[in-house]
Amino acid sequence: MNINVFQKIIDILAKNPNGIPQSYIHRSLSVSKAYISIILKDMEKQGIIYRTKIGNTYIVKLAGKAPLNNKVLRLGIVWSSEYLFLGHFAKTLKNLYNIDLTVNVYSNALQATLAIIRGEVDAVLSPLVTQLYAYILSRNIVIAGGGAGGGATLYEFPKSKTDIIISSEASSMDLCRLIASKRKIIEHEGVRYFTTPNEALEFIKRGKARYAVIWHPLTEFVKPIEHRVVIDCGEFEEIKHCCTLALSKFIGIENIEKISAAYRNAIIEFLHSPVKFIDWYSSITNIDSSILRKALNAYRYTYEIDSKDIQTVVDAININIPQKHAMLNAIIHI
């Protein structure tokens, strides 16, 4: 599907919440009637729009309300020390576009990423690999910015009673596990997935995990437990980006461009003043400010992401689907 045409259709429908004749769309975009019909059928199957036939005419409407009408960007994040630039992002959105930022915190990557598919949030900061899975499922998101890399570590706990490895599902942690296993860096009997940070700590404390792939600040909490660092997941080229910025296509290309620009500016400002909003971020995540300051040395930040980064992850993930490389279309070039 042509992303530019898709976005233009979303923009037209967002401006006409009561619906418009299908014929109006192809005339407005100077695109063939047959091509628009194909795209609209695909959008209808995905639940993005619905069409009502009146006589010989289809009336087309968005399936839900277009976000940002009230100038609020709803952002989902994974509970982590990773997004210390969020205060700068909130400030930039407000100053440049008078958009307020609200933040929902989720306990794992899947929950956060599913939130954008369900329409609970307009944007999400979650693992790149999780967003690629989500793109294949819905095609309703675009990856519009980079973020942080590093912060995740693969540990061995020699006093464990099992040879199980624990990880969070469909995440950068699980990609790290997969790569380490394929390269024979570790050998384990099976995988057990945790759904919350506390659950991961319980597995480790009770000796139920020989290996664990966890992220900061969980890495701080396991320091008192006897362990061996196997590898920093950031050493793998495939995990250059841990979490990235994905935006809902429903907000329209104009808002996507604005938010992407604000995001880029926010990370640049953050790199010049990294501690400015740590207390603000602490109040959102309930992670102690002293722990967050340690995270400044655990992560590296870049607002850029390109098709090569996507290609590297696509080649690495263990997924067998038709047109796997359609995942490359998840990134938007602005």
C-alpha atoms as a PDB file:
ATOM      1  CA  MET A   1       0.000   0.000   0.000  1.00  0.00           C
ATOM      2  CA  ASN A   2       1.259   3.490  -0.860  1.00  0.00           C
ATOM      3  CA  ILE A   3       1.768   5.158   2.546  1.00  0.00           C
ATOM      4  CA  ASN A   4       1.397   8.697   1.167  1.00  0.00           C
ATOM      5  CA  VAL A   5      -1.986   7.891  -0.383  1.00  0.00           C
ATOM      6  CA  PHE A   6      -3.028   6.072   2.807  1.00  0.00           C
ATOM      7  CA  GLN A   7      -2.163   9.115   4.935  1.00  0.00           C
ATOM      8  CA  LYS A   8      -3.947  11.483   2.580  1.00  0.00           C
ATOM      9  CA  ILE A   9      -7.105   9.372   2.821  1.00  0.00           C
ATOM     10  CA  ILE A  10      -6.866   9.437   6.631  1.00  0.00           C
ATOM     11  CA  ASP A  11      -6.441  13.224   6.540  1.00  0.00           C
ATOM     12  CA  ILE A  12      -9.486  13.686   4.287  1.00  0.00           C
ATOM     13  CA  LEU A  13     -11.662  11.448   6.451  1.00  0.00           C
ATOM     14  CA  ALA A  14     -10.472  13.108   9.665  1.00  0.00           C
ATOM     15  CA  LYS A  15     -11.673  16.450   8.275  1.00  0.00           C
ATOM     16  CA  ASN A  16     -15.030  14.921   7.341  1.00  0.00           C
ATOM     17  CA  PRO A  17     -16.127  12.938  10.438  1.00  0.00           C
ATOM     18  CA  ASN A  18     -19.662  12.483   9.104  1.00  0.00           C
ATOM     19  CA  GLY A  19     -18.354  10.637   6.054  1.00  0.00           C
ATOM     20  CA  ILE A  20     -17.862  11.454   2.379  1.00  0.00           C
ATOM     21  CA  PRO A  21     -18.691   9.731  -0.904  1.00  0.00           C
ATOM     22  CA  GLN A  22     -15.967   7.359  -2.043  1.00  0.00           C
ATOM     23  CA  SER A  23     -15.883   9.108  -5.416  1.00  0.00           C
ATOM     24  CA  TYR A  24     -14.821  12.343  -3.683  1.00  0.00           C
ATOM     25  CA  ILE A  25     -11.618  10.693  -2.472  1.00  0.00           C
ATOM     26  CA  HIS A  26     -10.243   9.590  -5.825  1.00  0.00           C
ATOM     27  CA  ARG A  27     -11.146  12.962  -7.389  1.00  0.00           C
ATOM     28  CA  SER A  28      -9.463  14.875  -4.548  1.00  0.00           C
ATOM     29  CA  LEU A  29      -6.269  12.875  -4.798  1.00  0.00           C
ATOM     30  CA  SER A  30      -6.204  12.603  -8.612  1.00  0.00           C
ATOM     31  CA  VAL A  31      -5.768   8.845  -8.229  1.00  0.00           C
ATOM     32  CA  SER A  32      -7.628   6.252 -10.228  1.00  0.00           C
ATOM     33  CA  LYS A  33     -11.003   5.091  -8.944  1.00  0.00           C
ATOM     34  CA  ALA A  34      -9.910   1.447  -9.117  1.00  0.00           C
ATOM     35  CA  TYR A  35      -6.750   2.059  -7.071  1.00  0.00           C
ATOM     36  CA  ILE A  36      -8.626   3.976  -4.365  1.00  0.00           C
ATOM     37  CA  SER A  37     -11.186   1.180  -4.229  1.00  0.00           C
ATOM     38  CA  ILE A  38      -8.428  -1.385  -3.585  1.00  0.00           C
ATOM     39  CA  ILE A  39      -6.916   0.715  -0.805  1.00  0.00           C
ATOM     40  CA  LEU A  40     -10.287   1.382   0.838  1.00  0.00           C
ATOM     41  CA  LYS A  41     -11.163  -2.317   0.807  1.00  0.00           C
ATOM     42  CA  ASP A  42      -7.880  -3.070   2.542  1.00  0.00           C
ATOM     43  CA  MET A  43      -8.481  -0.312   5.108  1.00  0.00           C
ATOM     44  CA  GLU A  44     -11.963  -1.663   5.738  1.00  0.00           C
ATOM     45  CA  LYS A  45     -10.604  -5.174   6.369  1.00  0.00           C
ATOM     46  CA  GLN A  46      -8.147  -3.712   8.877  1.00  0.00           C
ATOM     47  CA  GLY A  47     -10.948  -1.903  10.701  1.00  0.00           C
ATOM     48  CA  ILE A  48      -9.598   1.556   9.917  1.00  0.00           C
ATOM     49  CA  ILE A  49     -12.710   2.699   8.054  1.00  0.00           C
ATOM     50  CA  TYR A  50     -16.217   1.515   7.400  1.00  0.00           C
ATOM     51  CA  ARG A  51     -18.323   2.050   4.308  1.00  0.00           C
ATOM     52  CA  THR A  52     -22.080   2.314   3.986  1.00  0.00           C
ATOM     53  CA  LYS A  53     -23.682   1.770   0.593  1.00  0.00           C
ATOM     54  CA  ILE A  54     -26.434   4.236  -0.258  1.00  0.00           C
ATOM     55  CA  GLY A  55     -27.852   3.524  -3.697  1.00  0.00           C
ATOM     56  CA  ASN A  56     -24.848   3.170  -5.975  1.00  0.00           C
ATOM     57  CA  THR A  57     -22.582   5.238  -3.714  1.00  0.00           C
ATOM     58  CA  TYR A  58     -20.351   4.256  -0.795  1.00  0.00           C
ATOM     59  CA  ILE A  59     -20.117   6.692   2.119  1.00  0.00           C
ATOM     60  CA  VAL A  60     -16.731   6.335   3.819  1.00  0.00           C
ATOM     61  CA  LYS A  61     -16.000   7.147   7.479  1.00  0.00           C
ATOM     62  CA  LEU A  62     -13.132   6.584   9.894  1.00  0.00           C
ATOM     63  CA  ALA A  63     -13.892   3.722  12.258  1.00  0.00           C
ATOM     64  CA  GLY A  64     -12.935   5.828  15.282  1.00  0.00           C
ATOM     65  CA  LYS A  65     -12.459   9.440  16.255  1.00  0.00           C
ATOM     66  CA  ALA A  66      -9.331  11.101  14.907  1.00  0.00           C
ATOM     67  CA  PRO A  67      -6.885  11.731  17.784  1.00  0.00           C
ATOM     68  CA  LEU A  68      -5.355  15.082  18.715  1.00  0.00           C
ATOM     69  CA  ASN A  69      -8.608  16.974  18.191  1.00  0.00           C
ATOM     70  CA  ASN A  70      -8.206  18.184  21.778  1.00  0.00           C
ATOM     71  CA  LYS A  71      -4.467  18.818  21.336  1.00  0.00           C
ATOM     72  CA  VAL A  72      -3.404  15.955  23.589  1.00  0.00           C
ATOM     73  CA  LEU A  73      -0.921  13.289  22.531  1.00  0.00           C
ATOM     74  CA  ARG A  74      -1.470  10.039  24.424  1.00  0.00           C
ATOM     75  CA  LEU A  75       1.873   8.252  24.720  1.00  0.00           C
ATOM     76  CA  GLY A  76       2.442   4.718  25.971  1.00  0.00           C
ATOM     77  CA  ILE A  77       5.811   3.622  27.344  1.00  0.00           C
ATOM     78  CA  VAL A  78       7.285   0.471  28.881  1.00  0.00           C
ATOM     79  CA  TRP A  79       8.290   0.769  32.548  1.00  0.00           C
ATOM     80  CA  SER A  80      11.976   1.520  32.196  1.00  0.00           C
ATOM     81  CA  SER A  81      14.768   4.024  32.851  1.00  0.00           C
ATOM     82  CA  GLU A  82      15.116   4.430  29.121  1.00  0.00           C
ATOM     83  CA  TYR A  83      13.004   7.454  28.245  1.00  0.00           C
ATOM     84  CA  LEU A  84      14.715  10.182  30.230  1.00  0.00           C
ATOM     85  CA  PHE A  85      14.171  12.600  27.345  1.00  0.00           C
ATOM     86  CA  LEU A  86      10.382  12.603  27.839  1.00  0.00           C
ATOM     87  CA  GLY A  87      10.369  15.852  29.802  1.00  0.00           C
ATOM     88  CA  HIS A  88      12.070  17.579  26.899  1.00  0.00           C
ATOM     89  CA  PHE A  89       9.559  15.962  24.531  1.00  0.00           C
ATOM     90  CA  ALA A  90       6.611  17.257  26.570  1.00  0.00           C
ATOM     91  CA  LYS A  91       8.120  20.741  26.671  1.00  0.00           C
ATOM     92  CA  THR A  92       8.864  20.789  22.931  1.00  0.00           C
ATOM     93  CA  LEU A  93       5.373  19.580  21.964  1.00  0.00           C
ATOM     94  CA  LYS A  94       3.813  22.294  24.105  1.00  0.00           C
ATOM     95  CA  ASN A  95       6.086  25.112  22.967  1.00  0.00           C
ATOM     96  CA  LEU A  96       6.018  24.317  19.244  1.00  0.00           C
ATOM     97  CA  TYR A  97       2.475  23.036  18.704  1.00  0.00           C
ATOM     98  CA  ASN A  98       0.537  23.616  21.928  1.00  0.00           C
ATOM     99  CA  ILE A  99       0.121  19.839  22.281  1.00  0.00           C
ATOM    100  CA  ASP A 100      -0.039  18.406  25.805  1.00  0.00           C
ATOM    101  CA  LEU A 101       1.611  15.048  26.496  1.00  0.00           C
ATOM    102  CA  THR A 102      -0.007  12.393  28.675  1.00  0.00           C
ATOM    103  CA  VAL A 103       1.954   9.251  29.514  1.00  0.00           C
ATOM    104  CA  ASN A 104       0.625   5.751  30.221  1.00  0.00           C
ATOM    105  CA  VAL A 105       3.140   3.287  31.697  1.00  0.00           C
ATOM    106  CA  TYR A 106       2.875  -0.422  30.820  1.00  0.00           C
ATOM    107  CA  SER A 107       4.641  -3.341  32.482  1.00  0.00           C
ATOM    108  CA  ASN A 108       5.911  -4.986  29.301  1.00  0.00           C
ATOM    109  CA  ALA A 109       6.556  -4.426  25.604  1.00  0.00           C
ATOM    110  CA  LEU A 110       3.519  -6.318  24.329  1.00  0.00           C
ATOM    111  CA  GLN A 111       1.074  -4.401  26.515  1.00  0.00           C
ATOM    112  CA  ALA A 112       2.493  -1.053  25.459  1.00  0.00           C
ATOM    113  CA  THR A 113       2.531  -1.884  21.753  1.00  0.00           C
ATOM    114  CA  LEU A 114      -0.935  -3.453  21.742  1.00  0.00           C
ATOM    115  CA  ALA A 115      -2.214  -0.213  23.290  1.00  0.00           C
ATOM    116  CA  ILE A 116      -1.502   1.712  20.076  1.00  0.00           C
ATOM    117  CA  ILE A 117      -3.202  -0.947  17.932  1.00  0.00           C
ATOM    118  CA  ARG A 118      -6.284  -0.807  20.175  1.00  0.00           C
ATOM    119  CA  GLY A 119      -6.394   2.989  20.024  1.00  0.00           C
ATOM    120  CA  GLU A 120      -5.681   3.451  23.732  1.00  0.00           C
ATOM    121  CA  VAL A 121      -2.727   5.685  22.849  1.00  0.00           C
ATOM    122  CA  ASP A 122      -1.672   7.718  19.818  1.00  0.00           C
ATOM    123  CA  ALA A 123       2.028   6.948  20.117  1.00  0.00           C
ATOM    124  CA  VAL A 124       4.245   4.405  21.829  1.00  0.00           C
ATOM    125  CA  LEU A 125       7.848   4.047  22.884  1.00  0.00           C
ATOM    126  CA  SER A 126       8.463   0.313  22.879  1.00  0.00           C
ATOM    127  CA  PRO A 127      10.960  -2.186  21.426  1.00  0.00           C
ATOM    128  CA  LEU A 128      11.542  -1.911  17.700  1.00  0.00           C
ATOM    129  CA  VAL A 129      11.074  -5.650  17.248  1.00  0.00           C
ATOM    130  CA  THR A 130       7.682  -5.522  19.014  1.00  0.00           C
ATOM    131  CA  GLN A 131       6.573  -2.677  16.773  1.00  0.00           C
ATOM    132  CA  LEU A 132       7.510  -4.672  13.684  1.00  0.00           C
ATOM    133  CA  TYR A 133       5.327  -7.565  14.857  1.00  0.00           C
ATOM    134  CA  ALA A 134       2.529  -5.056  15.467  1.00  0.00           C
ATOM    135  CA  TYR A 135       2.940  -3.566  12.012  1.00  0.00           C
ATOM    136  CA  ILE A 136       2.453  -6.965  10.395  1.00  0.00           C
ATOM    137  CA  LEU A 137      -0.716  -7.483  12.450  1.00  0.00           C
ATOM    138  CA  SER A 138      -2.348  -4.117  11.788  1.00  0.00           C
ATOM    139  CA  ARG A 139      -0.414  -1.905   9.318  1.00  0.00           C
ATOM    140  CA  ASN A 140      -1.877   0.978  11.350  1.00  0.00           C
ATOM    141  CA  ILE A 141       1.386   2.331  12.776  1.00  0.00           C
ATOM    142  CA  VAL A 142       4.498   4.000  11.442  1.00  0.00           C
ATOM    143  CA  ILE A 143       7.939   3.993  13.045  1.00  0.00           C
ATOM    144  CA  ALA A 144       8.897   7.636  13.024  1.00  0.00           C
ATOM    145  CA  GLY A 145      11.961   7.983  15.243  1.00  0.00           C
ATOM    146  CA  GLY A 146      14.812   6.242  17.009  1.00  0.00           C
ATOM    147  CA  GLY A 147      15.390   6.398  20.730  1.00  0.00           C
ATOM    148  CA  ALA A 148      17.683   4.601  23.134  1.00  0.00           C
ATOM    149  CA  GLY A 149      19.997   1.645  22.731  1.00  0.00           C
ATOM    150  CA  GLY A 150      21.757  -0.428  25.344  1.00  0.00           C
ATOM    151  CA  GLY A 151      20.472  -0.837  28.883  1.00  0.00           C
ATOM    152  CA  ALA A 152      19.719  -4.565  28.555  1.00  0.00           C
ATOM    153  CA  THR A 153      21.961  -7.300  29.918  1.00  0.00           C
ATOM    154  CA  LEU A 154      22.062 -11.086  29.744  1.00  0.00           C
ATOM    155  CA  TYR A 155      22.951 -12.551  33.160  1.00  0.00           C
ATOM    156  CA  GLU A 156      23.792 -15.988  34.449  1.00  0.00           C
ATOM    157  CA  PHE A 157      22.863 -16.974  38.027  1.00  0.00           C
ATOM    158  CA  PRO A 158      25.130 -19.916  38.984  1.00  0.00           C
ATOM    159  CA  LYS A 159      23.094 -20.926  42.036  1.00  0.00           C
ATOM    160  CA  SER A 160      19.937 -21.432  40.002  1.00  0.00           C
ATOM    161  CA  LYS A 161      18.061 -24.727  40.445  1.00  0.00           C
ATOM    162  CA  THR A 162      17.137 -24.868  36.726  1.00  0.00           C
ATOM    163  CA  ASP A 163      18.639 -24.294  33.281  1.00  0.00           C
ATOM    164  CA  ILE A 164      15.746 -22.053  32.215  1.00  0.00           C
ATOM    165  CA  ILE A 165      16.234 -18.607  30.694  1.00  0.00           C
ATOM    166  CA  ILE A 166      13.690 -15.879  31.419  1.00  0.00           C
ATOM    167  CA  SER A 167      12.822 -12.985  29.146  1.00  0.00           C
ATOM    168  CA  SER A 168       9.984 -10.683  28.198  1.00  0.00           C
ATOM    169  CA  GLU A 169       8.049 -11.880  25.168  1.00  0.00           C
ATOM    170  CA  ALA A 170       8.451 -10.474  21.626  1.00  0.00           C
ATOM    171  CA  SER A 171      10.856  -7.803  22.839  1.00  0.00           C
ATOM    172  CA  SER A 172      14.454  -6.623  22.514  1.00  0.00           C
ATOM    173  CA  MET A 173      15.203  -8.884  25.492  1.00  0.00           C
ATOM    174  CA  ASP A 174      13.889 -11.904  23.628  1.00  0.00           C
ATOM    175  CA  LEU A 175      15.816 -10.955  20.509  1.00  0.00           C
ATOM    176  CA  CYS A 176      18.950 -10.788  22.651  1.00  0.00           C
ATOM    177  CA  ARG A 177      18.132 -14.259  23.997  1.00  0.00           C
ATOM    178  CA  LEU A 178      17.584 -15.593  20.487  1.00  0.00           C
ATOM    179  CA  ILE A 179      20.876 -14.245  19.151  1.00  0.00           C
ATOM    180  CA  ALA A 180      22.865 -15.447  22.165  1.00  0.00           C
ATOM    181  CA  SER A 181      21.373 -18.929  21.774  1.00  0.00           C
ATOM    182  CA  LYS A 182      21.974 -19.093  18.017  1.00  0.00           C
ATOM    183  CA  ARG A 183      25.601 -18.064  18.474  1.00  0.00           C
ATOM    184  CA  LYS A 184      26.109 -20.641  21.243  1.00  0.00           C
ATOM    185  CA  ILE A 185      26.978 -17.944  23.771  1.00  0.00           C
ATOM    186  CA  ILE A 186      24.584 -19.702  26.150  1.00  0.00           C
ATOM    187  CA  GLU A 187      22.852 -23.063  26.277  1.00  0.00           C
ATOM    188  CA  HIS A 188      19.564 -23.490  28.116  1.00  0.00           C
ATOM    189  CA  GLU A 189      16.763 -26.010  28.417  1.00  0.00           C
ATOM    190  CA  GLY A 190      13.804 -23.746  27.794  1.00  0.00           C
ATOM    191  CA  VAL A 191      12.380 -20.236  27.923  1.00  0.00           C
ATOM    192  CA  ARG A 192       9.974 -18.775  30.439  1.00  0.00           C
ATOM    193  CA  TYR A 193       8.416 -15.399  29.818  1.00  0.00           C
ATOM    194  CA  PHE A 194       7.642 -12.932  32.578  1.00  0.00           C
ATOM    195  CA  THR A 195       4.932 -10.309  32.260  1.00  0.00           C
ATOM    196  CA  THR A 196       6.026  -7.816  34.924  1.00  0.00           C
ATOM    197  CA  PRO A 197       9.376  -6.629  36.317  1.00  0.00           C
ATOM    198  CA  ASN A 198       8.455  -7.955  39.778  1.00  0.00           C
ATOM    199  CA  GLU A 199       7.767 -11.385  38.329  1.00  0.00           C
ATOM    200  CA  ALA A 200      11.241 -11.416  36.751  1.00  0.00           C
ATOM    201  CA  LEU A 201      12.853 -10.560  40.083  1.00  0.00           C
ATOM    202  CA  GLU A 202      10.893 -13.302  41.842  1.00  0.00           C
ATOM    203  CA  PHE A 203      12.087 -15.917  39.333  1.00  0.00           C
ATOM    204  CA  ILE A 204      15.691 -14.840  39.927  1.00  0.00           C
ATOM    205  CA  LYS A 205      15.476 -14.614  43.725  1.00  0.00           C
ATOM    206  CA  ARG A 206      13.878 -18.068  43.984  1.00  0.00           C
ATOM    207  CA  GLY A 207      16.520 -19.695  41.815  1.00  0.00           C
ATOM    208  CA  LYS A 208      14.093 -20.388  38.968  1.00  0.00           C
ATOM    209  CA  ALA A 209      16.250 -18.796  36.279  1.00  0.00           C
ATOM    210  CA  ARG A 210      19.717 -19.883  35.190  1.00  0.00           C
ATOM    211  CA  TYR A 211      19.800 -16.976  32.763  1.00  0.00           C
ATOM    212  CA  ALA A 212      17.831 -13.752  32.549  1.00  0.00           C
ATOM    213  CA  VAL A 213      17.653 -10.960  30.003  1.00  0.00           C
ATOM    214  CA  ILE A 214      16.560  -7.805  31.800  1.00  0.00           C
ATOM    215  CA  TRP A 215      16.794  -4.047  31.387  1.00  0.00           C
ATOM    216  CA  HIS A 216      17.593  -1.035  33.540  1.00  0.00           C
ATOM    217  CA  PRO A 217      16.515  -0.431  36.327  1.00  0.00           C
ATOM    218  CA  LEU A 218      15.999  -4.177  36.940  1.00  0.00           C
ATOM    219  CA  THR A 219      19.731  -4.559  36.378  1.00  0.00           C
ATOM    220  CA  GLU A 220      20.302  -2.465  39.505  1.00  0.00           C
ATOM    221  CA  PHE A 221      18.066  -4.710  41.598  1.00  0.00           C
ATOM    222  CA  VAL A 222      19.945  -7.930  40.752  1.00  0.00           C
ATOM    223  CA  LYS A 223      23.362  -6.590  41.709  1.00  0.00           C
ATOM    224  CA  PRO A 224      23.203  -7.975  45.296  1.00  0.00           C
ATOM    225  CA  ILE A 225      22.416 -11.466  43.898  1.00  0.00           C
ATOM    226  CA  GLU A 226      25.357 -13.648  42.873  1.00  0.00           C
ATOM    227  CA  HIS A 227      25.582 -13.402  39.094  1.00  0.00           C
ATOM    228  CA  ARG A 228      27.777 -13.306  36.021  1.00  0.00           C
ATOM    229  CA  VAL A 229      27.314 -10.826  33.191  1.00  0.00           C
ATOM    230  CA  VAL A 230      27.211 -12.869  29.990  1.00  0.00           C
ATOM    231  CA  ILE A 231      26.852 -10.003  27.538  1.00  0.00           C
ATOM    232  CA  ASP A 232      25.496  -6.495  27.165  1.00  0.00           C
ATOM    233  CA  CYS A 233      22.718  -6.905  24.581  1.00  0.00           C
ATOM    234  CA  GLY A 234      23.745  -3.616  22.996  1.00  0.00           C
ATOM    235  CA  GLU A 235      26.852  -5.356  21.682  1.00  0.00           C
ATOM    236  CA  PHE A 236      24.661  -7.129  19.142  1.00  0.00           C
ATOM    237  CA  GLU A 237      24.266  -5.102  15.931  1.00  0.00           C
ATOM    238  CA  GLU A 238      20.656  -6.297  15.724  1.00  0.00           C
ATOM    239  CA  ILE A 239      19.821  -4.419  18.926  1.00  0.00           C
ATOM    240  CA  LYS A 240      21.217  -1.037  17.951  1.00  0.00           C
ATOM    241  CA  HIS A 241      17.806   0.369  18.865  1.00  0.00           C
ATOM    242  CA  CYS A 242      16.062  -0.992  21.912  1.00  0.00           C
ATOM    243  CA  CYS A 243      12.935   1.159  21.831  1.00  0.00           C
ATOM    244  CA  THR A 244      11.723   3.457  19.076  1.00  0.00           C
ATOM    245  CA  LEU A 245       8.853   5.876  18.483  1.00  0.00           C
ATOM    246  CA  ALA A 246       5.792   4.508  16.699  1.00  0.00           C
ATOM    247  CA  LEU A 247       2.821   6.700  15.809  1.00  0.00           C
ATOM    248  CA  SER A 248      -0.724   5.793  14.890  1.00  0.00           C
ATOM    249  CA  LYS A 249      -1.577   6.457  11.250  1.00  0.00           C
ATOM    250  CA  PHE A 250      -4.940   7.725  12.454  1.00  0.00           C
ATOM    251  CA  ILE A 251      -3.395  11.016  13.594  1.00  0.00           C
ATOM    252  CA  GLY A 252      -2.621  11.937   9.974  1.00  0.00           C
ATOM    253  CA  ILE A 253       0.585  12.768   8.156  1.00  0.00           C
ATOM    254  CA  GLU A 254       0.620  16.403   9.294  1.00  0.00           C
ATOM    255  CA  ASN A 255       0.607  15.436  12.966  1.00  0.00           C
ATOM    256  CA  ILE A 256       3.097  12.643  12.330  1.00  0.00           C
ATOM    257  CA  GLU A 257       5.499  15.170  10.828  1.00  0.00           C
ATOM    258  CA  LYS A 258       5.017  17.622  13.719  1.00  0.00           C
ATOM    259  CA  ILE A 259       5.482  15.009  16.419  1.00  0.00           C
ATOM    260  CA  SER A 260       8.515  13.503  14.693  1.00  0.00           C
ATOM    261  CA  ALA A 261      10.149  16.937  14.522  1.00  0.00           C
ATOM    262  CA  ALA A 262       9.386  17.612  18.186  1.00  0.00           C
ATOM    263  CA  TYR A 263      10.796  14.214  19.111  1.00  0.00           C
ATOM    264  CA  ARG A 264      14.012  14.850  17.203  1.00  0.00           C
ATOM    265  CA  ASN A 265      14.455  18.263  18.848  1.00  0.00           C
ATOM    266  CA  ALA A 266      13.698  16.818  22.289  1.00  0.00           C
ATOM    267  CA  ILE A 267      16.461  14.200  22.083  1.00  0.00           C
ATOM    268  CA  ILE A 268      18.945  16.834  20.902  1.00  0.00           C
ATOM    269  CA  GLU A 269      18.019  19.054  23.865  1.00  0.00           C
ATOM    270  CA  PHE A 270      18.171  16.083  26.228  1.00  0.00           C
ATOM    271  CA  LEU A 271      21.735  15.267  25.160  1.00  0.00           C
ATOM    272  CA  HIS A 272      22.713  18.829  26.081  1.00  0.00           C
ATOM    273  CA  SER A 273      20.850  18.738  29.408  1.00  0.00           C
ATOM    274  CA  PRO A 274      20.289  15.103  30.423  1.00  0.00           C
ATOM    275  CA  VAL A 275      19.376  15.572  34.094  1.00  0.00           C
ATOM    276  CA  LYS A 276      16.895  18.423  33.697  1.00  0.00           C
ATOM    277  CA  PHE A 277      13.676  16.388  33.879  1.00  0.00           C
ATOM    278  CA  ILE A 278      14.814  13.348  35.869  1.00  0.00           C
ATOM    279  CA  ASP A 279      12.600  14.163  38.863  1.00  0.00           C
ATOM    280  CA  TRP A 280       9.616  14.667  36.526  1.00  0.00           C
ATOM    281  CA  TYR A 281      10.266  11.298  34.898  1.00  0.00           C
ATOM    282  CA  SER A 282      10.661   9.693  38.326  1.00  0.00           C
ATOM    283  CA  SER A 283       7.192  10.916  39.308  1.00  0.00           C
ATOM    284  CA  ILE A 284       5.689   9.231  36.220  1.00  0.00           C
ATOM    285  CA  THR A 285       7.448   5.869  36.517  1.00  0.00           C
ATOM    286  CA  ASN A 286       7.972   5.614  40.312  1.00  0.00           C
ATOM    287  CA  ILE A 287      11.642   4.859  39.668  1.00  0.00           C
ATOM    288  CA  ASP A 288      13.899   6.574  42.190  1.00  0.00           C
ATOM    289  CA  SER A 289      15.792   9.569  40.800  1.00  0.00           C
ATOM    290  CA  SER A 290      19.127   8.223  42.063  1.00  0.00           C
ATOM    291  CA  ILE A 291      18.596   5.039  40.003  1.00  0.00           C
ATOM    292  CA  LEU A 292      17.598   7.060  36.954  1.00  0.00           C
ATOM    293  CA  ARG A 293      20.847   9.015  37.135  1.00  0.00           C
ATOM    294  CA  LYS A 294      22.731   5.724  36.830  1.00  0.00           C
ATOM    295  CA  ALA A 295      20.762   4.996  33.651  1.00  0.00           C
ATOM    296  CA  LEU A 296      22.480   7.912  31.920  1.00  0.00           C
ATOM    297  CA  ASN A 297      25.535   5.658  31.605  1.00  0.00           C
ATOM    298  CA  ALA A 298      23.508   2.602  30.572  1.00  0.00           C
ATOM    299  CA  TYR A 299      21.826   3.930  27.426  1.00  0.00           C
ATOM    300  CA  ARG A 300      22.927   5.695  24.258  1.00  0.00           C
ATOM    301  CA  TYR A 301      20.504   7.912  22.355  1.00  0.00           C
ATOM    302  CA  THR A 302      19.804   8.698  18.715  1.00  0.00           C
ATOM    303  CA  TYR A 303      16.651  10.137  17.170  1.00  0.00           C
ATOM    304  CA  GLU A 304      17.467   8.672  13.749  1.00  0.00           C
ATOM    305  CA  ILE A 305      16.335   5.340  12.364  1.00  0.00           C
ATOM    306  CA  ASP A 306      16.588   4.116   8.799  1.00  0.00           C
ATOM    307  CA  SER A 307      15.667   1.174   6.599  1.00  0.00           C
ATOM    308  CA  LYS A 308      19.004  -0.531   7.211  1.00  0.00           C
ATOM    309  CA  ASP A 309      18.244  -0.673  10.934  1.00  0.00           C
ATOM    310  CA  ILE A 310      14.875  -2.238  10.163  1.00  0.00           C
ATOM    311  CA  GLN A 311      16.434  -4.705   7.712  1.00  0.00           C
ATOM    312  CA  THR A 312      18.932  -5.891  10.325  1.00  0.00           C
ATOM    313  CA  VAL A 313      16.173  -6.700  12.806  1.00  0.00           C
ATOM    314  CA  VAL A 314      13.934  -8.306  10.176  1.00  0.00           C
ATOM    315  CA  ASP A 315      16.774 -10.613   9.154  1.00  0.00           C
ATOM    316  CA  ALA A 316      17.389 -11.596  12.778  1.00  0.00           C
ATOM    317  CA  ILE A 317      13.927 -12.333  14.135  1.00  0.00           C
ATOM    318  CA  ASN A 318      12.633 -15.867  14.181  1.00  0.00           C
ATOM    319  CA  ILE A 319       9.349 -15.410  12.337  1.00  0.00           C
ATOM    320  CA  ASN A 320       8.008 -17.298   9.354  1.00  0.00           C
ATOM    321  CA  ILE A 321       5.317 -15.329   7.550  1.00  0.00           C
ATOM    322  CA  PRO A 322       4.559 -14.485   3.935  1.00  0.00           C
ATOM    323  CA  GLN A 323       6.203 -11.264   2.806  1.00  0.00           C
ATOM    324  CA  LYS A 324       8.350 -10.962   5.917  1.00  0.00           C
ATOM    325  CA  HIS A 325      10.197  -8.040   4.375  1.00  0.00           C
ATOM    326  CA  ALA A 326       6.964  -6.051   4.183  1.00  0.00           C
ATOM    327  CA  MET A 327       8.086  -5.013   7.668  1.00  0.00           C
ATOM    328  CA  LEU A 328      10.451  -2.587   5.951  1.00  0.00           C
ATOM    329  CA  ASN A 329       7.418  -0.487   5.041  1.00  0.00           C
ATOM    330  CA  ALA A 330       6.834   0.233   8.737  1.00  0.00           C
ATOM    331  CA  ILE A 331       9.293   3.110   8.686  1.00  0.00           C
ATOM    332  CA  ILE A 332       8.165   6.493   7.445  1.00  0.00           C
ATOM    333  CA  HIS A 333      10.563   8.781   5.603  1.00  0.00           C
ATOM    334  CA  ILE A 334       9.957  12.388   6.543  1.00  0.00           C
END
